[in-house]
Protein backbone atom coordinates (compact mmCIF):
# COMPACT_ATOMS: atom_id res chain seq x y z
CA MET A 1 -7.20 28.05 -10.11
CA SER A 2 -6.30 25.55 -7.41
CA GLU A 3 -2.82 25.60 -5.95
CA ASN A 4 -1.71 22.45 -7.71
CA GLY A 5 -3.12 23.83 -10.98
CA LYS A 6 -0.14 26.18 -11.02
CA ILE A 7 2.29 23.29 -11.40
CA ALA A 8 2.06 21.28 -14.61
CA ALA A 9 3.81 18.35 -16.23
CA LEU A 10 4.83 18.41 -19.88
CA ILE A 11 5.57 14.98 -21.37
CA VAL A 12 7.49 14.92 -24.64
CA ALA A 13 6.42 11.93 -26.72
CA ALA A 14 6.60 13.06 -30.34
CA GLY A 15 9.61 10.98 -31.44
CA GLY A 16 9.57 8.16 -33.94
CA GLY A 17 11.78 5.83 -31.88
CA SER A 18 13.65 4.57 -34.96
CA ARG A 19 16.47 3.03 -32.91
CA MET A 20 13.97 0.84 -31.10
CA GLY A 21 12.83 -0.83 -34.32
CA GLY A 22 9.64 -2.82 -34.64
CA GLY A 23 7.72 -0.19 -36.61
CA ILE A 24 5.94 1.21 -33.53
CA PRO A 25 7.12 4.43 -31.84
CA LYS A 26 8.65 3.40 -28.55
CA GLN A 27 6.34 5.57 -26.46
CA PHE A 28 3.48 3.29 -27.56
CA ARG A 29 5.31 -0.01 -27.07
CA ASP A 30 3.95 -2.34 -24.40
CA LEU A 31 5.64 -2.12 -21.02
CA GLY A 32 4.18 -4.12 -18.16
CA GLY A 33 0.81 -4.43 -19.84
CA ARG A 34 0.33 -0.78 -20.79
CA PRO A 35 1.86 1.64 -23.34
CA MET A 36 5.18 3.10 -22.20
CA LEU A 37 3.73 6.63 -22.31
CA ALA A 38 1.00 5.65 -19.83
CA TRP A 39 3.51 5.05 -17.01
CA SER A 40 4.87 8.58 -16.69
CA HIS A 41 1.44 10.05 -17.41
CA ALA A 42 -0.01 8.03 -14.52
CA ALA A 43 2.83 9.07 -12.19
CA PHE A 44 2.20 12.77 -12.80
CA ALA A 45 -1.60 12.48 -12.79
CA ALA A 46 -1.53 10.74 -9.39
CA HIS A 47 0.85 13.23 -7.74
CA PRO A 48 -1.02 15.66 -5.46
CA ALA A 49 1.16 18.66 -6.38
CA ILE A 50 0.74 18.30 -10.14
CA GLY A 51 -2.20 19.87 -11.93
CA PRO A 52 -2.43 19.74 -15.73
CA VAL A 53 -0.52 16.98 -17.51
CA LEU A 54 0.11 17.89 -21.16
CA THR A 55 1.52 15.36 -23.60
CA MET A 56 3.15 16.50 -26.83
CA VAL A 57 3.02 14.02 -29.68
CA ALA A 58 3.44 14.08 -33.45
CA ALA A 59 0.36 15.33 -35.28
CA ASP A 60 -0.29 11.92 -36.80
CA GLN A 61 -0.15 10.31 -33.34
CA LEU A 62 -2.88 12.40 -31.72
CA GLU A 63 -5.64 9.89 -32.42
CA THR A 64 -3.49 7.04 -31.09
CA VAL A 65 -2.88 8.84 -27.79
CA ARG A 66 -6.53 9.79 -27.41
CA ASN A 67 -7.50 6.15 -27.84
CA LEU A 68 -4.89 4.95 -25.35
CA LEU A 69 -5.46 7.73 -22.80
CA PRO A 70 -8.98 9.04 -23.46
CA SER A 71 -8.91 11.62 -20.66
CA ALA A 72 -5.40 12.90 -21.39
CA TRP A 73 -4.61 16.40 -22.63
CA CYS A 74 -2.48 16.02 -25.73
CA GLU A 75 -1.33 18.46 -28.40
CA ALA A 76 0.69 18.26 -31.60
CA GLY A 77 4.42 18.82 -31.22
CA GLY A 78 6.92 20.16 -33.70
CA ALA A 79 9.63 18.86 -36.00
CA SER A 80 12.13 18.63 -33.13
CA ARG A 81 12.06 18.06 -29.40
CA ARG A 82 12.80 21.74 -28.81
CA GLU A 83 9.86 22.81 -30.96
CA SER A 84 7.55 20.32 -29.24
CA VAL A 85 8.51 21.66 -25.81
CA ALA A 86 8.10 25.27 -26.96
CA ASN A 87 4.61 24.51 -28.29
CA GLY A 88 3.69 22.89 -25.00
CA LEU A 89 5.03 25.77 -22.93
CA ARG A 90 2.84 28.21 -24.84
CA GLN A 91 -0.21 26.07 -24.10
CA LEU A 92 0.62 25.93 -20.40
CA ALA A 93 1.17 29.69 -20.23
CA LEU A 94 -2.35 30.20 -21.56
CA ALA A 95 -3.60 27.87 -18.81
CA GLY A 96 -2.04 30.07 -16.09
CA VAL A 97 0.66 27.60 -15.06
CA GLU A 98 3.60 28.98 -13.04
CA LYS A 99 5.91 25.95 -12.81
CA VAL A 100 6.45 23.03 -15.17
CA LEU A 101 8.17 19.65 -15.04
CA ILE A 102 9.37 18.61 -18.50
CA HIS A 103 9.76 14.87 -18.93
CA ASP A 104 10.72 12.42 -21.66
CA ALA A 105 8.22 9.61 -22.23
CA ALA A 106 11.23 7.34 -22.83
CA ARG A 107 11.87 7.42 -19.06
CA PRO A 108 8.68 5.64 -17.90
CA CYS A 109 9.67 4.44 -14.41
CA LEU A 110 9.05 7.75 -12.68
CA SER A 111 8.46 7.81 -8.93
CA HIS A 112 6.75 10.41 -6.77
CA ASP A 113 9.99 10.71 -4.77
CA VAL A 114 11.81 12.08 -7.82
CA ILE A 115 8.98 14.52 -8.52
CA ASP A 116 9.14 15.70 -4.90
CA ARG A 117 12.89 16.25 -5.07
CA VAL A 118 12.66 18.24 -8.30
CA LEU A 119 9.91 20.44 -6.89
CA ALA A 120 11.94 21.04 -3.72
CA GLY A 121 15.02 21.98 -5.75
CA LEU A 122 12.96 24.43 -7.76
CA GLU A 123 12.11 26.43 -4.65
CA ALA A 124 15.50 28.21 -4.60
CA ALA A 125 16.52 28.10 -8.27
CA ASP A 126 15.31 28.82 -11.78
CA GLY A 127 15.34 25.12 -12.56
CA ALA A 128 16.02 21.73 -11.02
CA MET A 129 16.84 18.35 -12.48
CA PRO A 130 17.62 14.83 -11.24
CA VAL A 131 21.13 13.51 -11.79
CA LEU A 132 23.14 10.41 -10.96
CA PRO A 133 26.88 10.12 -10.31
CA VAL A 134 29.02 8.43 -12.96
CA ALA A 135 30.26 5.12 -11.57
CA ASP A 136 31.98 3.68 -14.64
CA THR A 137 35.42 4.67 -15.89
CA LEU A 138 35.12 7.09 -18.81
CA ALA A 139 37.53 6.99 -21.71
CA ARG A 140 37.85 8.53 -25.16
CA GLU A 141 37.98 6.49 -28.34
CA SER A 142 41.17 6.58 -30.37
CA LEU A 143 40.49 6.09 -34.08
CA ARG A 144 43.26 4.38 -35.99
CA PRO A 145 43.54 2.84 -39.47
CA ASP A 146 43.29 -0.63 -37.94
CA GLY A 147 40.20 0.14 -35.84
CA VAL A 148 39.02 1.83 -32.68
CA HIS A 149 41.31 1.66 -29.67
CA LEU A 150 41.35 2.94 -26.12
CA GLY A 151 42.23 6.59 -25.71
CA GLU A 152 42.74 8.77 -22.65
CA THR A 153 40.49 8.40 -19.64
CA VAL A 154 38.18 11.25 -18.71
CA PRO A 155 38.09 12.39 -15.06
CA ARG A 156 34.76 11.57 -13.41
CA ASN A 157 34.99 14.23 -10.72
CA GLY A 158 32.16 16.70 -11.17
CA VAL A 159 30.53 14.65 -13.94
CA VAL A 160 26.90 13.55 -13.57
CA ARG A 161 24.31 11.73 -15.64
CA VAL A 162 21.33 13.96 -16.44
CA GLN A 163 17.75 12.69 -16.22
CA THR A 164 14.22 14.06 -16.45
CA PRO A 165 11.81 15.42 -15.29
CA GLN A 166 13.46 18.82 -15.28
CA GLY A 167 11.53 21.48 -13.40
CA PHE A 168 11.41 25.19 -14.17
CA HIS A 169 9.61 28.38 -13.38
CA LEU A 170 7.52 28.64 -16.51
CA GLN A 171 8.57 32.12 -17.57
CA SER A 172 12.26 31.26 -17.12
CA VAL A 173 12.13 28.32 -19.48
CA ILE A 174 9.93 30.17 -21.97
CA ALA A 175 12.51 32.99 -22.06
CA ALA A 176 15.31 30.47 -22.53
CA HIS A 177 13.54 28.91 -25.49
CA ALA A 178 12.88 32.31 -27.04
CA ALA A 179 16.56 33.26 -26.74
CA TRP A 180 17.93 29.98 -28.11
CA PRO A 181 19.34 30.13 -31.67
CA ALA A 182 16.78 28.87 -34.15
CA ASP A 183 19.36 26.86 -36.08
CA ALA A 184 20.75 24.98 -33.06
CA GLU A 185 19.47 22.04 -31.06
CA ALA A 186 19.85 21.80 -27.29
CA THR A 187 20.63 18.60 -25.42
CA ASP A 188 17.94 19.47 -22.88
CA ASP A 189 15.95 22.39 -21.48
CA ALA A 190 18.23 22.84 -18.46
CA GLN A 191 21.14 23.80 -20.71
CA MET A 192 18.95 26.40 -22.37
CA VAL A 193 18.03 27.97 -19.02
CA ARG A 194 21.66 27.85 -17.89
CA ARG A 195 22.84 29.57 -21.10
CA LEU A 196 20.55 32.49 -20.30
CA GLY A 197 22.11 32.83 -16.86
CA GLY A 198 19.60 30.80 -14.90
CA ARG A 199 20.59 28.56 -11.98
CA VAL A 200 19.64 24.91 -12.23
CA ALA A 201 19.72 22.94 -9.00
CA LEU A 202 20.83 19.31 -9.05
CA VAL A 203 18.83 16.77 -7.04
CA GLN A 204 19.22 13.05 -6.51
CA GLY A 205 18.09 11.04 -9.51
CA ASP A 206 16.88 7.45 -9.67
CA ALA A 207 18.38 4.38 -11.34
CA MET A 208 14.81 3.39 -12.26
CA LEU A 209 14.72 6.36 -14.63
CA GLU A 210 17.03 4.83 -17.24
CA LYS A 211 16.14 6.04 -20.71
CA ILE A 212 14.68 3.48 -23.10
CA THR A 213 16.34 3.68 -26.50
CA TYR A 214 17.03 0.14 -27.70
CA PRO A 215 15.03 -3.14 -27.44
CA ASP A 216 17.22 -4.40 -24.57
CA ASP A 217 16.37 -1.24 -22.62
CA LEU A 218 12.69 -2.12 -22.81
CA ALA A 219 13.33 -5.57 -21.35
CA GLY A 220 15.37 -3.98 -18.54
CA ALA A 221 12.57 -1.53 -17.73
CA ASP A 222 10.08 -4.38 -17.56
CA MET A 223 12.26 -6.05 -14.93
CA ARG A 224 12.60 -2.81 -12.95
CA LEU A 225 8.86 -2.51 -12.50
CA ALA A 226 9.10 -4.80 -9.46
CA TRP A 227 6.07 -6.99 -10.05
CA GLU A 228 3.86 -7.90 -7.11
CA THR A 229 2.27 -11.35 -7.24
CA ARG A 230 -1.27 -11.76 -5.94
CA THR A 231 -3.44 -14.86 -5.61
CA ALA A 232 -7.17 -14.99 -4.87
CA MET A 233 -9.95 -17.60 -4.74
CA GLY A 234 -13.46 -17.77 -6.09
CA PHE A 235 -16.35 -20.12 -5.35
CA ASP A 236 -19.84 -20.43 -6.79
CA VAL A 237 -22.85 -22.79 -6.77
CA HIS A 238 -25.89 -23.04 -9.05
CA ARG A 239 -28.91 -25.33 -8.93
CA LEU A 240 -29.61 -27.85 -11.71
CA GLU A 241 -33.14 -27.60 -13.15
CA ASP A 242 -35.14 -29.02 -16.00
CA GLY A 243 -35.62 -26.87 -19.07
CA GLU A 244 -32.34 -24.93 -18.73
CA GLU A 245 -29.23 -24.99 -20.92
CA LEU A 246 -26.04 -26.18 -19.29
CA TRP A 247 -23.16 -23.75 -19.77
CA LEU A 248 -19.86 -24.66 -18.14
CA GLY A 249 -16.52 -22.99 -18.76
CA GLY A 250 -18.03 -21.02 -21.63
CA VAL A 251 -19.12 -24.19 -23.44
CA LEU A 252 -22.68 -25.41 -24.03
CA ILE A 253 -22.84 -29.03 -22.83
CA PRO A 254 -25.62 -31.44 -23.85
CA HIS A 255 -27.41 -32.55 -20.68
CA HIS A 256 -30.97 -33.23 -19.55
CA GLN A 257 -30.75 -30.35 -17.06
CA GLY A 258 -29.12 -26.95 -16.95
CA LEU A 259 -28.01 -24.48 -14.32
CA SER A 260 -30.47 -21.92 -13.00
CA GLY A 261 -29.46 -18.31 -12.45
CA HIS A 262 -30.03 -14.72 -13.52
CA SER A 263 -27.41 -14.93 -16.26
CA ASP A 264 -26.50 -18.10 -18.16
CA ALA A 265 -25.47 -19.43 -14.70
CA ASP A 266 -22.04 -20.64 -15.85
CA VAL A 267 -20.82 -21.60 -12.38
CA ALA A 268 -17.25 -22.19 -13.60
CA LEU A 269 -16.83 -18.75 -15.17
CA HIS A 270 -18.52 -17.12 -12.16
CA ALA A 271 -16.03 -18.69 -9.75
CA LEU A 272 -13.14 -17.70 -11.99
CA THR A 273 -14.45 -14.13 -12.33
CA ASP A 274 -14.59 -13.79 -8.54
CA ALA A 275 -11.04 -15.11 -8.23
CA LEU A 276 -9.73 -12.52 -10.70
CA LEU A 277 -11.66 -9.70 -9.06
CA GLY A 278 -10.19 -10.78 -5.75
CA THR A 279 -6.62 -10.27 -6.96
CA ILE A 280 -7.27 -6.55 -7.27
CA ALA A 281 -9.65 -6.30 -4.31
CA ALA A 282 -12.50 -5.29 -6.63
CA GLY A 283 -15.38 -6.99 -4.86
CA ASP A 284 -17.28 -9.89 -6.37
CA ILE A 285 -19.30 -10.59 -9.48
CA GLY A 286 -22.50 -9.35 -7.86
CA THR A 287 -20.87 -5.97 -7.22
CA HIS A 288 -20.28 -5.42 -10.92
CA PHE A 289 -23.27 -7.33 -12.36
CA PRO A 290 -26.05 -7.28 -9.76
CA PRO A 291 -28.68 -10.01 -10.27
CA SER A 292 -31.35 -7.39 -9.62
CA ASP A 293 -30.39 -5.61 -12.86
CA PRO A 294 -32.59 -6.89 -15.72
CA GLN A 295 -29.92 -6.19 -18.35
CA TRP A 296 -27.97 -9.23 -17.14
CA LYS A 297 -30.93 -11.62 -17.48
CA GLY A 298 -29.61 -14.58 -19.48
CA ALA A 299 -26.30 -12.79 -20.15
CA GLU A 300 -23.30 -14.77 -21.34
CA SER A 301 -20.89 -15.13 -18.43
CA GLY A 302 -17.89 -14.75 -20.70
CA GLN A 303 -18.40 -10.98 -20.63
CA PHE A 304 -18.15 -11.04 -16.82
CA LEU A 305 -14.80 -12.81 -17.08
CA GLN A 306 -13.53 -10.36 -19.69
CA HIS A 307 -14.61 -7.45 -17.52
CA ALA A 308 -12.50 -8.75 -14.63
CA ALA A 309 -9.54 -9.30 -16.98
CA LYS A 310 -9.85 -5.73 -18.27
CA LEU A 311 -9.83 -4.30 -14.76
CA ILE A 312 -6.56 -6.14 -14.15
CA ALA A 313 -5.11 -4.96 -17.46
CA ASP A 314 -6.11 -1.36 -16.69
CA LYS A 315 -3.86 -1.56 -13.64
CA GLY A 316 -0.98 -2.81 -15.76
CA GLY A 317 -1.49 -6.34 -14.42
CA ARG A 318 -0.87 -9.70 -16.06
CA ILE A 319 -2.77 -12.93 -15.55
CA ASP A 320 -0.15 -15.58 -14.88
CA PHE A 321 -2.28 -18.64 -14.19
CA VAL A 322 -5.83 -19.73 -13.42
CA ASP A 323 -6.89 -23.04 -11.87
CA LEU A 324 -10.49 -24.19 -11.93
CA THR A 325 -12.17 -27.22 -10.32
CA ILE A 326 -15.73 -28.20 -11.26
CA ILE A 327 -17.57 -30.29 -8.66
CA CYS A 328 -20.44 -32.45 -9.88
CA GLU A 329 -21.66 -36.02 -10.35
CA ALA A 330 -22.89 -35.41 -13.88
CA PRO A 331 -22.25 -34.60 -16.63
CA LYS A 332 -18.76 -35.98 -17.20
CA ILE A 333 -16.39 -33.02 -17.65
CA GLY A 334 -13.52 -34.90 -19.28
CA PRO A 335 -14.94 -34.95 -22.84
CA HIS A 336 -15.41 -31.16 -22.72
CA ARG A 337 -12.25 -30.18 -20.86
CA ALA A 338 -10.21 -29.19 -23.91
CA ALA A 339 -13.00 -27.00 -25.28
CA MET A 340 -13.39 -25.27 -21.92
CA VAL A 341 -9.67 -24.59 -21.63
CA GLU A 342 -9.66 -23.19 -25.18
CA ARG A 343 -12.63 -20.93 -24.44
CA ILE A 344 -11.29 -19.61 -21.13
CA ALA A 345 -7.85 -18.94 -22.61
CA GLY A 346 -9.49 -17.01 -25.45
CA LEU A 347 -11.66 -14.94 -23.12
CA LEU A 348 -8.65 -14.02 -20.98
CA ASN A 349 -6.28 -13.65 -23.95
CA ILE A 350 -3.69 -15.95 -22.37
CA GLU A 351 -2.02 -19.15 -23.48
CA ARG A 352 -3.86 -22.44 -22.95
CA SER A 353 -0.91 -23.58 -20.84
CA ARG A 354 -1.90 -20.96 -18.27
CA VAL A 355 -5.34 -22.49 -17.76
CA SER A 356 -5.80 -25.54 -15.54
CA LEU A 357 -9.21 -27.21 -15.42
CA LYS A 358 -10.11 -30.22 -13.31
CA ALA A 359 -13.25 -32.00 -12.21
CA THR A 360 -14.17 -34.05 -9.16
CA THR A 361 -17.17 -35.52 -7.38
CA THR A 362 -18.20 -35.55 -3.72
CA GLU A 363 -18.72 -39.33 -3.67
CA ARG A 364 -22.50 -38.78 -3.87
CA LEU A 365 -22.45 -36.71 -0.68
CA GLY A 366 -24.17 -33.34 -0.34
CA PHE A 367 -26.19 -31.41 -2.92
CA THR A 368 -23.67 -32.04 -5.70
CA GLY A 369 -23.62 -35.74 -4.85
CA ARG A 370 -27.41 -35.88 -5.08
CA GLY A 371 -27.27 -34.16 -8.49
CA GLU A 372 -29.09 -31.07 -7.25
CA GLY A 373 -26.46 -28.59 -8.42
CA ILE A 374 -22.91 -27.92 -9.57
CA ALA A 375 -20.19 -26.08 -7.66
CA ALA A 376 -16.89 -24.62 -8.84
CA GLN A 377 -13.86 -23.22 -7.12
CA ALA A 378 -11.10 -21.22 -8.78
CA ILE A 379 -7.73 -19.75 -7.95
CA ALA A 380 -6.13 -16.97 -10.00
CA THR A 381 -2.58 -15.67 -9.85
CA VAL A 382 -1.75 -12.29 -11.33
CA ARG A 383 1.17 -9.90 -11.35
CA LEU A 384 0.70 -6.20 -10.70
CA PRO A 385 3.38 -3.56 -11.12
CA GLY A 386 4.64 -2.54 -7.69
CA GLY A 387 6.08 0.82 -6.70
CA MET A 388 4.53 2.69 -9.62
CA PRO A 389 1.12 4.37 -9.80
CA ALA A 390 -1.44 1.88 -11.08
C-alpha cells in the first residue's frame, strides 16, 4: 500500500436533509453547478496525502451517488450518523487504513489548507478537529408565559465552534465507537474519542466550512465559492460550395450553396465551440473532434457545442453569456436569427437572453465579400469556481 493509502477520508452523506425542504436530500442539491456532495469529495480526492475516499449514503441513495460520481467508493450507511460512521470505519479497517478524516457532506467548501492542519494536529494526538472562535454574544433563552425573553449571557471564553473534517488514528476512533452506549447519540466523533480518554487537538477552522442546513445556507455557500470569470474567443471559416446543405447556428437554411467541411460545417457553432473550450484552456475543436477521424464525417455540430458545455459543467462552471457574429454577404441572417438563438440556447441549456447573435458583411471585400465562404467569430463568458478543486 502506498503511503497516502494509509490515510483515508470518510464522508457522511446518508441524511435526508428534511430541514432543507425541496424533496431532494441536501447532499444532492445543486451548488455551483455540481451536487453538494461532489465538492468535498473532489477536495479529498485531489489532496496528495489522502488515499481512499469512502462516502456513506442511505441504501436507497447508492444508485444516485454512483450516477453522480461514477468512480467514487460508496457504501450503505446506517439508521443514524453514528451507525453510518461505524460502518465506514469497518470498511476502512479492512482496507488497511491507519488514519481517517471524517467529514460531513453538508460542509462542502473544504480547502486543502484545512485538511493539512487537521493532519498536522493528528501527529501528536489521538484526534484533531478544526474549530472557530465564537464572536457573537451568547445568551440563554428565558421562557415565560408571555413568550421567549432574554436570559443570562454565557461566557465565551474557552468556547469554540466545532467543524469537520475530524481526523483520528483509525483504531482510536473504532474503539471509541465500540465503547459508546448503544442507546445514545453523540454530537460528533471527537466527543466519543474524548470520552474514552483520547486527546483531540484543536486546529484553526475556516469560515468557508459553514454547515448547510437551511435553504439560505445554500445560497450563502454559493456566494462563498468565489467565482472566477473567464472570457475566450473563437473564430472559424468555411467555404461555400454547390451541392451542400447550409447549416448555421444549428439551423438548416435554404440557400443555393452550403458550407463545405468534414462535419456539417456549421461555422457559427464551430466558432462558439472554440470560444467555450478556450474558457477552460481545453484546446480547440480539432483537438476533440479531429477532421481525420471518419466518425465525424457529416456530424451535426451541435454535439461539438454540447461537448464543450459539458466540459465546463464538469468543472462546476456556468456559461454566463455567448456572443456570436456571422460574417457573410448571403444569405440574409435576420430572418433566421430567432431560430438560431433558440437552438443555441437549447444546446447550451441556458436562457435565450444569454445568447447574442449578430450578422455583418465585409462590404463585398475579401472572400466573404465575394461570396466564396462564411466566417464567424464568437466570444464566451463563463464562471468557474475559484479556490476549490475543480
